[in-house]
Amino acid sequence: MSEKQPPEQNSQSFTGRTGRHSARWSVKMADRISTVVITVGGIGTIVSVLCVFLVLFGVVVPLFSQAKIGELSSAQLSFQDRTPLTFKVDEYRILSWTLFDDGKIEAIRVDNGEVVWTKDLVEGDLTITAASIPDTSTSVALALSDGSV
């Protein structure tokens, strides 16, 4: 058996391109830009996670401190010989409103009892004979002494 010999390599028979020894400037620039973007993104991620940790820490720390109890404020409400039909307090516990049997409605500050607003719902000598005031609504239905609703 005869052994096959590899063909001789000479410069005229090579048809491929020769490799470059350094990358093009555009490749180097893209590499630098991507390195900076990835570095800034990684640092930004670490900083944002630390900020979330600090916010959670600030929320949790007061849970381990002692409770503080202070005096509640109180205000004296005078209804001046009027009968309140309803007394409601807003969701922020700043204002209340009271509907009286004479047809007046008053908005009162809860902390000091100051009357902020007054409106007369009934005209003339009419009186309220019946009222429907749902707990979950801001609407009222009033029946007056002349039969009107």
C-alpha atoms as a PDB file:
ATOM      1  CA  MET A   1       0.000   0.000   0.000  1.00  0.00           C
ATOM      2  CA  SER A   2       1.125   3.350  -0.836  1.00  0.00           C
ATOM      3  CA  GLU A   3       0.692   6.245   1.515  1.00  0.00           C
ATOM      4  CA  LYS A   4      -0.909   9.404   0.271  1.00  0.00           C
ATOM      5  CA  GLN A   5       1.144  12.479   0.662  1.00  0.00           C
ATOM      6  CA  PRO A   6      -0.518  15.793   1.508  1.00  0.00           C
ATOM      7  CA  PRO A   7      -0.387  18.243  -1.352  1.00  0.00           C
ATOM      8  CA  GLU A   8       2.325  20.783  -1.127  1.00  0.00           C
ATOM      9  CA  GLN A   9       1.310  24.144   0.200  1.00  0.00           C
ATOM     10  CA  ASN A  10       2.585  26.996  -1.827  1.00  0.00           C
ATOM     11  CA  SER A  11       1.470  30.605  -1.871  1.00  0.00           C
ATOM     12  CA  GLN A  12      -0.096  30.361  -5.309  1.00  0.00           C
ATOM     13  CA  SER A  13      -2.522  27.552  -4.470  1.00  0.00           C
ATOM     14  CA  PHE A  14      -4.027  29.225  -1.321  1.00  0.00           C
ATOM     15  CA  THR A  15      -7.333  30.883  -2.194  1.00  0.00           C
ATOM     16  CA  GLY A  16      -8.614  32.032   1.246  1.00  0.00           C
ATOM     17  CA  ARG A  17      -8.135  35.404   2.818  1.00  0.00           C
ATOM     18  CA  THR A  18      -5.408  35.976   5.284  1.00  0.00           C
ATOM     19  CA  GLY A  19      -6.482  36.833   8.851  1.00  0.00           C
ATOM     20  CA  ARG A  20      -6.131  40.347  10.178  1.00  0.00           C
ATOM     21  CA  HIS A  21      -4.004  40.890  13.192  1.00  0.00           C
ATOM     22  CA  SER A  22      -6.254  43.612  14.703  1.00  0.00           C
ATOM     23  CA  ALA A  23      -9.979  44.329  14.621  1.00  0.00           C
ATOM     24  CA  ARG A  24     -11.476  47.198  12.685  1.00  0.00           C
ATOM     25  CA  TRP A  25     -12.055  50.488  14.510  1.00  0.00           C
ATOM     26  CA  SER A  26     -15.844  50.046  14.352  1.00  0.00           C
ATOM     27  CA  VAL A  27     -15.615  46.694  16.155  1.00  0.00           C
ATOM     28  CA  LYS A  28     -13.400  48.206  18.845  1.00  0.00           C
ATOM     29  CA  MET A  29     -15.793  51.149  19.276  1.00  0.00           C
ATOM     30  CA  ALA A  30     -18.829  48.847  19.522  1.00  0.00           C
ATOM     31  CA  ASP A  31     -16.982  46.741  22.107  1.00  0.00           C
ATOM     32  CA  ARG A  32     -16.186  49.813  24.218  1.00  0.00           C
ATOM     33  CA  ILE A  33     -19.752  51.128  23.994  1.00  0.00           C
ATOM     34  CA  SER A  34     -21.250  47.764  24.939  1.00  0.00           C
ATOM     35  CA  THR A  35     -18.817  47.468  27.871  1.00  0.00           C
ATOM     36  CA  VAL A  36     -19.877  50.890  29.189  1.00  0.00           C
ATOM     37  CA  VAL A  37     -23.603  50.168  28.717  1.00  0.00           C
ATOM     38  CA  ILE A  38     -23.387  46.790  30.471  1.00  0.00           C
ATOM     39  CA  THR A  39     -21.349  48.279  33.340  1.00  0.00           C
ATOM     40  CA  VAL A  40     -23.760  51.188  33.846  1.00  0.00           C
ATOM     41  CA  GLY A  41     -26.748  48.814  33.668  1.00  0.00           C
ATOM     42  CA  GLY A  42     -25.236  46.496  36.262  1.00  0.00           C
ATOM     43  CA  ILE A  43     -24.417  49.342  38.641  1.00  0.00           C
ATOM     44  CA  GLY A  44     -27.914  50.798  38.115  1.00  0.00           C
ATOM     45  CA  THR A  45     -29.482  47.445  38.969  1.00  0.00           C
ATOM     46  CA  ILE A  46     -27.451  47.169  42.162  1.00  0.00           C
ATOM     47  CA  VAL A  47     -28.334  50.742  43.177  1.00  0.00           C
ATOM     48  CA  SER A  48     -32.059  50.204  42.534  1.00  0.00           C
ATOM     49  CA  VAL A  49     -32.089  46.986  44.585  1.00  0.00           C
ATOM     50  CA  LEU A  50     -30.326  48.835  47.422  1.00  0.00           C
ATOM     51  CA  CYS A  51     -32.938  51.622  47.247  1.00  0.00           C
ATOM     52  CA  VAL A  52     -35.753  49.075  47.503  1.00  0.00           C
ATOM     53  CA  PHE A  53     -33.989  47.532  50.496  1.00  0.00           C
ATOM     54  CA  LEU A  54     -33.664  50.942  52.187  1.00  0.00           C
ATOM     55  CA  VAL A  55     -37.360  51.731  51.650  1.00  0.00           C
ATOM     56  CA  LEU A  56     -38.410  48.365  53.061  1.00  0.00           C
ATOM     57  CA  PHE A  57     -36.015  48.821  55.977  1.00  0.00           C
ATOM     58  CA  GLY A  58     -37.537  52.243  56.708  1.00  0.00           C
ATOM     59  CA  VAL A  59     -41.019  50.738  56.717  1.00  0.00           C
ATOM     60  CA  VAL A  60     -40.145  47.747  58.908  1.00  0.00           C
ATOM     61  CA  VAL A  61     -37.989  49.478  61.573  1.00  0.00           C
ATOM     62  CA  PRO A  62     -40.922  51.314  63.251  1.00  0.00           C
ATOM     63  CA  LEU A  63     -42.637  47.964  63.791  1.00  0.00           C
ATOM     64  CA  PHE A  64     -39.966  47.119  66.373  1.00  0.00           C
ATOM     65  CA  SER A  65     -40.218  50.385  68.327  1.00  0.00           C
ATOM     66  CA  GLN A  66     -42.529  50.954  71.273  1.00  0.00           C
ATOM     67  CA  ALA A  67     -46.037  52.182  70.625  1.00  0.00           C
ATOM     68  CA  LYS A  68     -46.818  55.771  71.563  1.00  0.00           C
ATOM     69  CA  ILE A  69     -50.197  56.772  72.884  1.00  0.00           C
ATOM     70  CA  GLY A  70     -51.240  60.395  72.921  1.00  0.00           C
ATOM     71  CA  GLU A  71     -54.267  62.299  74.071  1.00  0.00           C
ATOM     72  CA  LEU A  72     -57.227  62.291  71.754  1.00  0.00           C
ATOM     73  CA  SER A  73     -58.679  65.638  70.880  1.00  0.00           C
ATOM     74  CA  SER A  74     -62.281  66.230  71.748  1.00  0.00           C
ATOM     75  CA  ALA A  75     -64.722  68.941  70.834  1.00  0.00           C
ATOM     76  CA  GLN A  76     -68.002  69.859  72.434  1.00  0.00           C
ATOM     77  CA  LEU A  77     -70.842  69.859  69.920  1.00  0.00           C
ATOM     78  CA  SER A  78     -73.881  71.909  70.799  1.00  0.00           C
ATOM     79  CA  PHE A  79     -77.044  71.083  68.899  1.00  0.00           C
ATOM     80  CA  GLN A  80     -79.011  73.988  70.502  1.00  0.00           C
ATOM     81  CA  ASP A  81     -82.320  72.197  71.113  1.00  0.00           C
ATOM     82  CA  ARG A  82     -82.281  70.566  67.683  1.00  0.00           C
ATOM     83  CA  THR A  83     -82.533  66.842  67.113  1.00  0.00           C
ATOM     84  CA  PRO A  84     -79.889  65.384  64.794  1.00  0.00           C
ATOM     85  CA  LEU A  85     -81.294  62.913  62.268  1.00  0.00           C
ATOM     86  CA  THR A  86     -77.852  61.707  61.241  1.00  0.00           C
ATOM     87  CA  PHE A  87     -74.229  62.351  62.036  1.00  0.00           C
ATOM     88  CA  LYS A  88     -71.580  61.193  59.532  1.00  0.00           C
ATOM     89  CA  VAL A  89     -67.791  61.566  59.484  1.00  0.00           C
ATOM     90  CA  ASP A  90     -65.707  61.665  56.309  1.00  0.00           C
ATOM     91  CA  GLU A  91     -63.128  58.997  55.520  1.00  0.00           C
ATOM     92  CA  TYR A  92     -60.228  61.218  56.666  1.00  0.00           C
ATOM     93  CA  ARG A  93     -61.948  61.972  59.994  1.00  0.00           C
ATOM     94  CA  ILE A  94     -61.538  65.707  59.528  1.00  0.00           C
ATOM     95  CA  LEU A  95     -65.088  66.833  58.776  1.00  0.00           C
ATOM     96  CA  SER A  96     -68.462  65.590  59.872  1.00  0.00           C
ATOM     97  CA  TRP A  97     -71.898  66.527  58.671  1.00  0.00           C
ATOM     98  CA  THR A  98     -75.074  66.563  60.657  1.00  0.00           C
ATOM     99  CA  LEU A  99     -78.646  66.717  59.348  1.00  0.00           C
ATOM    100  CA  PHE A 100     -81.102  68.194  61.865  1.00  0.00           C
ATOM    101  CA  ASP A 101     -84.865  67.791  62.123  1.00  0.00           C
ATOM    102  CA  ASP A 102     -85.388  71.472  61.208  1.00  0.00           C
ATOM    103  CA  GLY A 103     -83.889  70.809  57.742  1.00  0.00           C
ATOM    104  CA  LYS A 104     -80.467  72.341  58.281  1.00  0.00           C
ATOM    105  CA  ILE A 105     -77.296  70.503  57.411  1.00  0.00           C
ATOM    106  CA  GLU A 106     -73.974  71.533  58.959  1.00  0.00           C
ATOM    107  CA  ALA A 107     -70.393  70.580  58.197  1.00  0.00           C
ATOM    108  CA  ILE A 108     -68.310  70.587  61.373  1.00  0.00           C
ATOM    109  CA  ARG A 109     -64.575  70.151  61.924  1.00  0.00           C
ATOM    110  CA  VAL A 110     -64.108  67.124  64.140  1.00  0.00           C
ATOM    111  CA  ASP A 111     -60.958  68.345  65.889  1.00  0.00           C
ATOM    112  CA  ASN A 112     -62.295  71.645  67.246  1.00  0.00           C
ATOM    113  CA  GLY A 113     -66.087  71.634  66.690  1.00  0.00           C
ATOM    114  CA  GLU A 114     -66.051  74.668  64.378  1.00  0.00           C
ATOM    115  CA  VAL A 115     -69.039  74.905  62.028  1.00  0.00           C
ATOM    116  CA  VAL A 116     -67.518  75.202  58.563  1.00  0.00           C
ATOM    117  CA  TRP A 117     -70.640  75.223  56.388  1.00  0.00           C
ATOM    118  CA  THR A 118     -74.393  75.439  56.872  1.00  0.00           C
ATOM    119  CA  LYS A 119     -77.230  74.968  54.391  1.00  0.00           C
ATOM    120  CA  ASP A 120     -80.983  75.040  54.891  1.00  0.00           C
ATOM    121  CA  LEU A 121     -82.563  72.164  52.947  1.00  0.00           C
ATOM    122  CA  VAL A 122     -86.153  72.995  53.890  1.00  0.00           C
ATOM    123  CA  GLU A 123     -87.810  76.293  52.960  1.00  0.00           C
ATOM    124  CA  GLY A 124     -90.294  78.182  55.104  1.00  0.00           C
ATOM    125  CA  ASP A 125     -92.152  76.554  57.985  1.00  0.00           C
ATOM    126  CA  LEU A 126     -91.876  73.017  56.613  1.00  0.00           C
ATOM    127  CA  THR A 127     -90.473  70.287  58.807  1.00  0.00           C
ATOM    128  CA  ILE A 128     -88.995  66.904  58.043  1.00  0.00           C
ATOM    129  CA  THR A 129     -91.452  64.116  58.822  1.00  0.00           C
ATOM    130  CA  ALA A 130     -89.351  61.170  57.567  1.00  0.00           C
ATOM    131  CA  ALA A 131     -85.806  60.656  56.312  1.00  0.00           C
ATOM    132  CA  SER A 132     -83.924  57.856  54.602  1.00  0.00           C
ATOM    133  CA  ILE A 133     -80.174  58.084  55.064  1.00  0.00           C
ATOM    134  CA  PRO A 134     -78.224  55.006  53.903  1.00  0.00           C
ATOM    135  CA  ASP A 135     -74.918  54.309  55.639  1.00  0.00           C
ATOM    136  CA  THR A 136     -72.951  53.789  52.435  1.00  0.00           C
ATOM    137  CA  SER A 137     -74.357  56.684  50.400  1.00  0.00           C
ATOM    138  CA  THR A 138     -74.025  60.458  50.415  1.00  0.00           C
ATOM    139  CA  SER A 139     -77.645  60.885  49.251  1.00  0.00           C
ATOM    140  CA  VAL A 140     -80.632  61.460  51.499  1.00  0.00           C
ATOM    141  CA  ALA A 141     -84.369  61.274  50.881  1.00  0.00           C
ATOM    142  CA  LEU A 142     -86.545  63.596  52.958  1.00  0.00           C
ATOM    143  CA  ALA A 143     -90.325  63.636  53.388  1.00  0.00           C
ATOM    144  CA  LEU A 144     -91.645  67.066  54.344  1.00  0.00           C
ATOM    145  CA  SER A 145     -94.725  68.141  56.292  1.00  0.00           C
ATOM    146  CA  ASP A 146     -96.501  69.315  53.108  1.00  0.00           C
ATOM    147  CA  GLY A 147     -96.272  65.797  51.593  1.00  0.00           C
ATOM    148  CA  SER A 148     -93.398  66.500  49.194  1.00  0.00           C
ATOM    149  CA  VAL A 149     -90.343  64.286  48.964  1.00  0.00           C
END
